[in-house]
Amino acid sequence: MIFGELALLLNLFAAATVAFFFGVGIVSAAGFCRGLVPSLNTRFSANGRRRLLWLAVLTPWLLALSVSAFLYVSLSVDVPWLGYVMHWHHPDAFHVYSWHAYPSIGLCLMCLAIAMSTYRRAADHVRAYRLLTLALNDDCLLESREPQAFSAGLWA
């Protein structure tokens, strides 16, 4: 069991993680429902679709941030109705073997797996680029009778 400020931080992180997964579920359900109605795809312009995409990406993060901020502020504010709404019974004690730890551990493992996968793919791309520059001797001219725009590589 962990006590003190670290326990408070871990409890806030656990609450934010649960809120994050809840937000991902809401966004996923909304995307699934949108897929059931094909006429919704034609109602939005490109700018509107871009805004909806940003909303979908930011919703879980904003929800996690707002829940953790709300819980943190609720510790210092005495609001009578807040006690009926929230179940915040041990903010300064964190039980490692309770259910509070599992969503946080799951999120950390997911982020670690994504980071490792991204690193591996980036290393593969850099290795392929080095082989390409060796094979092409850094510059290559493609001759064609028709005008064409073509580029290859990661950097100009």
N, C-alpha and C. Protein backbone atom coordinates (compact mmCIF):
# COMPACT_ATOMS: atom_id res chain seq x y z
N MET A 1 0.85 -1.16 0.00
CA MET A 1 0.00 0.00 0.00
C MET A 1 0.90 1.23 0.00
N ILE A 2 0.49 2.25 -0.75
CA ILE A 2 1.25 3.48 -0.87
C ILE A 2 0.44 4.61 -0.24
N PHE A 3 1.11 5.47 0.53
CA PHE A 3 0.44 6.57 1.21
C PHE A 3 1.03 7.90 0.77
N GLY A 4 0.28 8.99 1.00
CA GLY A 4 0.78 10.34 0.81
C GLY A 4 0.52 10.90 -0.58
N GLU A 5 1.42 11.80 -0.97
CA GLU A 5 1.27 12.51 -2.25
C GLU A 5 1.35 11.56 -3.45
N LEU A 6 2.23 10.56 -3.36
CA LEU A 6 2.35 9.59 -4.45
C LEU A 6 1.05 8.81 -4.60
N ALA A 7 0.42 8.47 -3.50
CA ALA A 7 -0.85 7.76 -3.54
C ALA A 7 -1.93 8.63 -4.19
N LEU A 8 -1.95 9.90 -3.84
CA LEU A 8 -2.91 10.83 -4.45
C LEU A 8 -2.68 10.91 -5.95
N LEU A 9 -1.43 11.02 -6.36
CA LEU A 9 -1.11 11.07 -7.78
C LEU A 9 -1.53 9.78 -8.50
N LEU A 10 -1.27 8.64 -7.88
CA LEU A 10 -1.66 7.36 -8.49
C LEU A 10 -3.19 7.21 -8.56
N ASN A 11 -3.89 7.67 -7.52
CA ASN A 11 -5.36 7.62 -7.55
C ASN A 11 -5.92 8.53 -8.64
N LEU A 12 -5.34 9.72 -8.79
CA LEU A 12 -5.79 10.63 -9.86
C LEU A 12 -5.49 10.02 -11.23
N PHE A 13 -4.33 9.39 -11.36
CA PHE A 13 -3.98 8.74 -12.63
C PHE A 13 -4.93 7.58 -12.93
N ALA A 14 -5.31 6.82 -11.91
CA ALA A 14 -6.25 5.72 -12.10
C ALA A 14 -7.62 6.23 -12.55
N ALA A 15 -8.07 7.31 -11.92
CA ALA A 15 -9.36 7.90 -12.32
C ALA A 15 -9.29 8.46 -13.73
N ALA A 16 -8.18 9.11 -14.06
CA ALA A 16 -8.01 9.65 -15.42
C ALA A 16 -7.95 8.52 -16.45
N THR A 17 -7.32 7.41 -16.09
CA THR A 17 -7.24 6.27 -17.01
C THR A 17 -8.62 5.69 -17.28
N VAL A 18 -9.41 5.52 -16.24
CA VAL A 18 -10.77 5.00 -16.43
C VAL A 18 -11.58 5.97 -17.29
N ALA A 19 -11.44 7.27 -17.04
CA ALA A 19 -12.16 8.27 -17.84
C ALA A 19 -11.67 8.24 -19.28
N PHE A 20 -10.37 8.03 -19.49
CA PHE A 20 -9.81 7.96 -20.84
C PHE A 20 -10.42 6.78 -21.61
N PHE A 21 -10.44 5.60 -20.97
CA PHE A 21 -11.02 4.42 -21.63
C PHE A 21 -12.51 4.61 -21.88
N PHE A 22 -13.20 5.28 -20.97
CA PHE A 22 -14.62 5.58 -21.17
C PHE A 22 -14.79 6.50 -22.38
N GLY A 23 -13.92 7.51 -22.51
CA GLY A 23 -13.97 8.41 -23.66
C GLY A 23 -13.68 7.69 -24.96
N VAL A 24 -12.73 6.76 -24.94
CA VAL A 24 -12.45 5.96 -26.15
C VAL A 24 -13.67 5.13 -26.52
N GLY A 25 -14.35 4.60 -25.52
CA GLY A 25 -15.57 3.82 -25.78
C GLY A 25 -16.67 4.68 -26.38
N ILE A 26 -16.84 5.89 -25.87
CA ILE A 26 -17.86 6.80 -26.40
C ILE A 26 -17.54 7.17 -27.85
N VAL A 27 -16.28 7.50 -28.13
CA VAL A 27 -15.90 7.89 -29.49
C VAL A 27 -16.05 6.69 -30.43
N SER A 28 -15.70 5.50 -29.97
CA SER A 28 -15.84 4.31 -30.80
C SER A 28 -17.30 4.00 -31.09
N ALA A 29 -18.15 4.14 -30.08
CA ALA A 29 -19.59 3.90 -30.29
C ALA A 29 -20.17 4.93 -31.25
N ALA A 30 -19.74 6.18 -31.12
CA ALA A 30 -20.23 7.23 -32.03
C ALA A 30 -19.77 6.95 -33.46
N GLY A 31 -18.53 6.50 -33.62
CA GLY A 31 -18.04 6.16 -34.96
C GLY A 31 -18.77 4.97 -35.55
N PHE A 32 -19.10 3.98 -34.70
CA PHE A 32 -19.85 2.82 -35.18
C PHE A 32 -21.26 3.23 -35.60
N CYS A 33 -21.90 4.08 -34.80
CA CYS A 33 -23.26 4.53 -35.14
C CYS A 33 -23.25 5.38 -36.40
N ARG A 34 -22.19 6.17 -36.60
CA ARG A 34 -22.08 6.98 -37.81
C ARG A 34 -21.94 6.09 -39.04
N GLY A 35 -21.25 4.97 -38.87
CA GLY A 35 -21.08 4.03 -39.99
C GLY A 35 -22.38 3.34 -40.37
N LEU A 36 -23.34 3.28 -39.44
CA LEU A 36 -24.63 2.66 -39.75
C LEU A 36 -25.51 3.55 -40.61
N VAL A 37 -25.24 4.86 -40.59
CA VAL A 37 -26.03 5.82 -41.35
C VAL A 37 -25.13 6.43 -42.43
N PRO A 38 -25.14 5.88 -43.66
CA PRO A 38 -24.22 6.37 -44.70
C PRO A 38 -24.48 7.80 -45.12
N SER A 39 -25.68 8.32 -44.94
CA SER A 39 -25.98 9.69 -45.38
C SER A 39 -25.23 10.73 -44.54
N LEU A 40 -24.74 10.35 -43.35
CA LEU A 40 -23.98 11.29 -42.53
C LEU A 40 -22.64 11.64 -43.16
N ASN A 41 -22.10 10.74 -43.97
CA ASN A 41 -20.79 10.99 -44.58
C ASN A 41 -20.82 12.13 -45.58
N THR A 42 -21.94 12.40 -46.19
CA THR A 42 -22.03 13.45 -47.21
C THR A 42 -22.49 14.78 -46.64
N ARG A 43 -22.86 14.83 -45.39
CA ARG A 43 -23.38 16.07 -44.80
C ARG A 43 -22.28 17.05 -44.39
N PHE A 44 -21.06 16.58 -44.21
CA PHE A 44 -20.00 17.42 -43.69
C PHE A 44 -18.99 17.76 -44.77
N SER A 45 -18.53 18.99 -44.74
CA SER A 45 -17.47 19.40 -45.66
C SER A 45 -16.14 18.86 -45.14
N ALA A 46 -15.09 19.09 -45.90
CA ALA A 46 -13.76 18.63 -45.48
C ALA A 46 -13.34 19.31 -44.18
N ASN A 47 -13.66 20.59 -44.05
CA ASN A 47 -13.32 21.31 -42.83
C ASN A 47 -14.12 20.76 -41.64
N GLY A 48 -15.38 20.45 -41.86
CA GLY A 48 -16.20 19.88 -40.80
C GLY A 48 -15.71 18.50 -40.39
N ARG A 49 -15.29 17.69 -41.36
CA ARG A 49 -14.75 16.37 -41.04
C ARG A 49 -13.45 16.49 -40.26
N ARG A 50 -12.63 17.48 -40.59
CA ARG A 50 -11.39 17.69 -39.86
C ARG A 50 -11.68 18.05 -38.41
N ARG A 51 -12.67 18.92 -38.19
CA ARG A 51 -13.04 19.29 -36.83
C ARG A 51 -13.60 18.10 -36.05
N LEU A 52 -14.41 17.27 -36.72
CA LEU A 52 -14.94 16.08 -36.06
C LEU A 52 -13.82 15.10 -35.71
N LEU A 53 -12.83 14.99 -36.57
CA LEU A 53 -11.70 14.11 -36.28
C LEU A 53 -10.91 14.61 -35.07
N TRP A 54 -10.67 15.93 -35.00
CA TRP A 54 -9.99 16.49 -33.84
C TRP A 54 -10.81 16.30 -32.58
N LEU A 55 -12.12 16.45 -32.68
CA LEU A 55 -12.98 16.23 -31.53
C LEU A 55 -12.90 14.78 -31.07
N ALA A 56 -12.90 13.86 -32.02
CA ALA A 56 -12.82 12.44 -31.67
C ALA A 56 -11.49 12.10 -31.02
N VAL A 57 -10.42 12.71 -31.49
CA VAL A 57 -9.09 12.43 -30.93
C VAL A 57 -8.94 13.07 -29.55
N LEU A 58 -9.44 14.27 -29.37
CA LEU A 58 -9.24 15.00 -28.12
C LEU A 58 -10.21 14.62 -27.00
N THR A 59 -11.36 14.05 -27.35
CA THR A 59 -12.38 13.75 -26.34
C THR A 59 -11.86 12.87 -25.20
N PRO A 60 -11.22 11.73 -25.45
CA PRO A 60 -10.74 10.94 -24.30
C PRO A 60 -9.71 11.68 -23.45
N TRP A 61 -8.82 12.43 -24.09
CA TRP A 61 -7.79 13.15 -23.34
C TRP A 61 -8.40 14.26 -22.50
N LEU A 62 -9.33 15.02 -23.08
CA LEU A 62 -9.97 16.10 -22.33
C LEU A 62 -10.83 15.55 -21.19
N LEU A 63 -11.48 14.43 -21.44
CA LEU A 63 -12.29 13.81 -20.39
C LEU A 63 -11.41 13.35 -19.24
N ALA A 64 -10.29 12.73 -19.54
CA ALA A 64 -9.37 12.28 -18.49
C ALA A 64 -8.81 13.46 -17.70
N LEU A 65 -8.43 14.51 -18.41
CA LEU A 65 -7.89 15.70 -17.75
C LEU A 65 -8.93 16.37 -16.87
N SER A 66 -10.15 16.50 -17.37
CA SER A 66 -11.18 17.18 -16.59
C SER A 66 -11.60 16.37 -15.38
N VAL A 67 -11.66 15.05 -15.49
CA VAL A 67 -12.02 14.23 -14.33
C VAL A 67 -10.95 14.32 -13.26
N SER A 68 -9.69 14.22 -13.66
CA SER A 68 -8.63 14.30 -12.65
C SER A 68 -8.56 15.70 -12.04
N ALA A 69 -8.76 16.74 -12.82
CA ALA A 69 -8.77 18.10 -12.27
C ALA A 69 -9.95 18.29 -11.31
N PHE A 70 -11.11 17.77 -11.68
CA PHE A 70 -12.28 17.87 -10.83
C PHE A 70 -12.05 17.15 -9.50
N LEU A 71 -11.47 15.96 -9.56
CA LEU A 71 -11.21 15.22 -8.33
C LEU A 71 -10.17 15.92 -7.47
N TYR A 72 -9.16 16.50 -8.09
CA TYR A 72 -8.13 17.20 -7.32
C TYR A 72 -8.70 18.44 -6.64
N VAL A 73 -9.52 19.21 -7.36
CA VAL A 73 -10.12 20.40 -6.79
C VAL A 73 -11.13 20.03 -5.71
N SER A 74 -11.79 18.90 -5.85
CA SER A 74 -12.81 18.51 -4.87
C SER A 74 -12.21 18.21 -3.50
N LEU A 75 -10.90 17.96 -3.44
CA LEU A 75 -10.27 17.72 -2.15
C LEU A 75 -10.21 18.98 -1.29
N SER A 76 -10.08 20.13 -1.93
CA SER A 76 -9.92 21.37 -1.18
C SER A 76 -11.21 22.19 -1.07
N VAL A 77 -12.26 21.80 -1.79
CA VAL A 77 -13.52 22.53 -1.76
C VAL A 77 -14.55 21.69 -1.01
N ASP A 78 -15.24 22.32 -0.08
CA ASP A 78 -16.26 21.61 0.69
C ASP A 78 -17.64 21.90 0.09
N VAL A 79 -18.10 20.99 -0.75
CA VAL A 79 -19.41 21.11 -1.38
C VAL A 79 -20.26 19.94 -0.87
N PRO A 80 -21.41 20.23 -0.24
CA PRO A 80 -22.20 19.16 0.37
C PRO A 80 -22.68 18.09 -0.61
N TRP A 81 -23.14 18.49 -1.78
CA TRP A 81 -23.70 17.51 -2.71
C TRP A 81 -22.62 16.66 -3.37
N LEU A 82 -21.37 17.11 -3.28
CA LEU A 82 -20.28 16.37 -3.91
C LEU A 82 -20.04 15.03 -3.22
N GLY A 83 -20.26 14.97 -1.95
CA GLY A 83 -20.09 13.72 -1.21
C GLY A 83 -21.08 12.66 -1.64
N TYR A 84 -22.26 13.08 -2.09
CA TYR A 84 -23.25 12.11 -2.55
C TYR A 84 -22.95 11.60 -3.96
N VAL A 85 -22.29 12.42 -4.74
CA VAL A 85 -22.01 12.07 -6.13
C VAL A 85 -20.74 11.22 -6.25
N MET A 86 -19.72 11.59 -5.49
CA MET A 86 -18.41 10.96 -5.65
C MET A 86 -18.15 9.90 -4.59
N HIS A 87 -17.35 8.94 -4.98
CA HIS A 87 -16.89 7.91 -4.07
C HIS A 87 -15.39 8.06 -3.94
N TRP A 88 -14.97 9.08 -3.25
CA TRP A 88 -13.56 9.44 -3.13
C TRP A 88 -13.17 9.20 -1.67
N HIS A 89 -13.11 7.93 -1.27
CA HIS A 89 -12.97 7.59 0.13
C HIS A 89 -11.53 7.46 0.62
N HIS A 90 -10.58 7.29 -0.25
CA HIS A 90 -9.19 7.15 0.21
C HIS A 90 -8.23 7.81 -0.78
N PRO A 91 -8.24 9.14 -0.87
CA PRO A 91 -7.36 9.79 -1.84
C PRO A 91 -5.88 9.70 -1.49
N ASP A 92 -5.56 9.50 -0.20
CA ASP A 92 -4.15 9.48 0.18
C ASP A 92 -3.62 8.07 0.44
N ALA A 93 -4.38 7.05 0.03
CA ALA A 93 -3.93 5.66 0.15
C ALA A 93 -4.21 4.94 -1.17
N PHE A 94 -3.19 4.30 -1.71
CA PHE A 94 -3.33 3.59 -2.98
C PHE A 94 -2.97 2.12 -2.76
N HIS A 95 -3.94 1.26 -3.05
CA HIS A 95 -3.74 -0.18 -2.93
C HIS A 95 -3.28 -0.71 -4.28
N VAL A 96 -2.07 -1.22 -4.32
CA VAL A 96 -1.49 -1.70 -5.57
C VAL A 96 -2.27 -2.89 -6.12
N TYR A 97 -2.81 -3.73 -5.24
CA TYR A 97 -3.52 -4.92 -5.68
C TYR A 97 -5.02 -4.71 -5.81
N SER A 98 -5.49 -3.48 -5.74
CA SER A 98 -6.91 -3.22 -5.94
C SER A 98 -7.18 -3.01 -7.43
N TRP A 99 -8.44 -2.87 -7.79
CA TRP A 99 -8.80 -2.71 -9.20
C TRP A 99 -8.32 -1.37 -9.74
N HIS A 100 -7.99 -0.42 -8.87
CA HIS A 100 -7.55 0.91 -9.30
C HIS A 100 -6.26 0.84 -10.11
N ALA A 101 -5.42 -0.12 -9.80
CA ALA A 101 -4.12 -0.21 -10.46
C ALA A 101 -4.21 -0.82 -11.85
N TYR A 102 -5.17 -1.69 -12.09
CA TYR A 102 -5.20 -2.43 -13.35
C TYR A 102 -5.43 -1.57 -14.59
N PRO A 103 -6.36 -0.62 -14.60
CA PRO A 103 -6.48 0.23 -15.79
C PRO A 103 -5.22 1.04 -16.07
N SER A 104 -4.57 1.52 -15.00
CA SER A 104 -3.35 2.31 -15.18
C SER A 104 -2.23 1.45 -15.73
N ILE A 105 -2.09 0.24 -15.21
CA ILE A 105 -1.07 -0.67 -15.72
C ILE A 105 -1.36 -1.02 -17.18
N GLY A 106 -2.64 -1.25 -17.49
CA GLY A 106 -3.02 -1.55 -18.88
C GLY A 106 -2.69 -0.40 -19.82
N LEU A 107 -2.96 0.82 -19.40
CA LEU A 107 -2.65 1.98 -20.23
C LEU A 107 -1.15 2.13 -20.42
N CYS A 108 -0.38 1.93 -19.36
CA CYS A 108 1.08 2.03 -19.47
C CYS A 108 1.63 0.95 -20.40
N LEU A 109 1.11 -0.27 -20.30
CA LEU A 109 1.56 -1.34 -21.19
C LEU A 109 1.19 -1.06 -22.64
N MET A 110 -0.01 -0.51 -22.86
CA MET A 110 -0.41 -0.15 -24.22
C MET A 110 0.52 0.92 -24.79
N CYS A 111 0.81 1.95 -24.01
CA CYS A 111 1.69 3.02 -24.48
C CYS A 111 3.10 2.50 -24.75
N LEU A 112 3.58 1.59 -23.91
CA LEU A 112 4.90 1.00 -24.12
C LEU A 112 4.92 0.16 -25.40
N ALA A 113 3.88 -0.62 -25.64
CA ALA A 113 3.81 -1.43 -26.86
C ALA A 113 3.75 -0.55 -28.10
N ILE A 114 2.98 0.53 -28.04
CA ILE A 114 2.88 1.44 -29.18
C ILE A 114 4.21 2.14 -29.42
N ALA A 115 4.89 2.55 -28.36
CA ALA A 115 6.19 3.22 -28.51
C ALA A 115 7.22 2.26 -29.10
N MET A 116 7.23 1.02 -28.66
CA MET A 116 8.18 0.05 -29.20
C MET A 116 7.89 -0.25 -30.66
N SER A 117 6.63 -0.38 -31.00
CA SER A 117 6.25 -0.63 -32.40
C SER A 117 6.63 0.54 -33.29
N THR A 118 6.39 1.75 -32.80
CA THR A 118 6.74 2.95 -33.57
C THR A 118 8.25 3.05 -33.76
N TYR A 119 8.99 2.76 -32.71
CA TYR A 119 10.45 2.80 -32.80
C TYR A 119 10.95 1.77 -33.82
N ARG A 120 10.40 0.57 -33.76
CA ARG A 120 10.81 -0.49 -34.69
C ARG A 120 10.53 -0.10 -36.14
N ARG A 121 9.33 0.46 -36.38
CA ARG A 121 9.00 0.88 -37.75
C ARG A 121 9.89 2.03 -38.22
N ALA A 122 10.18 2.98 -37.32
CA ALA A 122 11.06 4.09 -37.69
C ALA A 122 12.47 3.58 -37.99
N ALA A 123 12.96 2.64 -37.20
CA ALA A 123 14.28 2.07 -37.46
C ALA A 123 14.30 1.34 -38.80
N ASP A 124 13.22 0.63 -39.12
CA ASP A 124 13.14 -0.05 -40.43
C ASP A 124 13.15 0.96 -41.57
N HIS A 125 12.45 2.07 -41.41
CA HIS A 125 12.42 3.10 -42.45
C HIS A 125 13.80 3.74 -42.64
N VAL A 126 14.47 4.01 -41.53
CA VAL A 126 15.81 4.61 -41.63
C VAL A 126 16.77 3.63 -42.29
N ARG A 127 16.70 2.35 -41.94
CA ARG A 127 17.54 1.34 -42.56
C ARG A 127 17.26 1.24 -44.05
N ALA A 128 16.00 1.26 -44.43
CA ALA A 128 15.64 1.19 -45.85
C ALA A 128 16.11 2.44 -46.59
N TYR A 129 16.04 3.59 -45.95
CA TYR A 129 16.50 4.82 -46.57
C TYR A 129 18.01 4.78 -46.80
N ARG A 130 18.76 4.26 -45.82
CA ARG A 130 20.21 4.15 -45.98
C ARG A 130 20.56 3.22 -47.14
N LEU A 131 19.84 2.10 -47.23
CA LEU A 131 20.08 1.18 -48.35
C LEU A 131 19.72 1.83 -49.67
N LEU A 132 18.66 2.62 -49.69
CA LEU A 132 18.25 3.29 -50.92
C LEU A 132 19.29 4.32 -51.34
N THR A 133 19.82 5.07 -50.40
CA THR A 133 20.84 6.07 -50.76
C THR A 133 22.12 5.40 -51.21
N LEU A 134 22.45 4.24 -50.66
CA LEU A 134 23.62 3.51 -51.14
C LEU A 134 23.40 2.99 -52.56
N ALA A 135 22.20 2.48 -52.80
CA ALA A 135 21.90 1.92 -54.12
C ALA A 135 21.79 2.99 -55.18
N LEU A 136 21.26 4.15 -54.84
CA LEU A 136 21.05 5.21 -55.83
C LEU A 136 22.20 6.20 -55.89
N ASN A 137 23.17 6.03 -55.01
CA ASN A 137 24.32 6.92 -54.98
C ASN A 137 23.88 8.37 -54.72
N ASP A 138 22.90 8.53 -53.82
CA ASP A 138 22.38 9.82 -53.34
C ASP A 138 21.51 10.57 -54.34
N ASP A 139 21.73 10.50 -55.62
CA ASP A 139 20.91 11.21 -56.59
C ASP A 139 20.51 10.26 -57.70
N CYS A 140 19.32 10.47 -58.19
CA CYS A 140 18.85 9.64 -59.28
C CYS A 140 17.95 10.50 -60.16
N LEU A 141 18.12 10.41 -61.44
CA LEU A 141 17.32 11.17 -62.40
C LEU A 141 16.47 10.18 -63.19
N LEU A 142 15.17 10.38 -63.13
CA LEU A 142 14.25 9.54 -63.88
C LEU A 142 13.87 10.29 -65.16
N GLU A 143 14.25 9.75 -66.29
CA GLU A 143 13.96 10.41 -67.56
C GLU A 143 12.63 9.92 -68.10
N SER A 144 11.84 10.89 -68.61
CA SER A 144 10.54 10.57 -69.16
C SER A 144 10.19 11.64 -70.18
N ARG A 145 9.45 11.25 -71.23
CA ARG A 145 9.03 12.22 -72.24
C ARG A 145 7.86 13.07 -71.74
N GLU A 146 7.08 12.54 -70.81
CA GLU A 146 5.93 13.26 -70.27
C GLU A 146 6.33 13.90 -68.95
N PRO A 147 5.83 15.12 -68.69
CA PRO A 147 6.14 15.76 -67.41
C PRO A 147 5.45 15.00 -66.25
N GLN A 148 6.22 14.71 -65.21
CA GLN A 148 5.69 13.99 -64.05
C GLN A 148 6.32 14.53 -62.79
N ALA A 149 5.57 14.50 -61.73
CA ALA A 149 6.10 14.88 -60.42
C ALA A 149 6.38 13.60 -59.64
N PHE A 150 7.61 13.43 -59.20
CA PHE A 150 7.96 12.22 -58.47
C PHE A 150 9.06 12.56 -57.47
N SER A 151 8.91 12.03 -56.28
CA SER A 151 9.98 12.18 -55.29
C SER A 151 10.05 10.91 -54.48
N ALA A 152 11.22 10.65 -53.96
CA ALA A 152 11.41 9.46 -53.14
C ALA A 152 12.32 9.83 -51.97
N GLY A 153 12.10 9.21 -50.84
CA GLY A 153 12.96 9.44 -49.70
C GLY A 153 12.25 10.18 -48.59
N LEU A 154 12.94 10.35 -47.49
CA LEU A 154 12.35 10.99 -46.32
C LEU A 154 12.68 12.47 -46.25
N TRP A 155 13.87 12.86 -46.72
CA TRP A 155 14.29 14.26 -46.65
C TRP A 155 14.58 14.77 -48.06
N ALA A 156 14.39 16.06 -48.24
CA ALA A 156 14.65 16.65 -49.55
C ALA A 156 16.11 17.03 -49.69
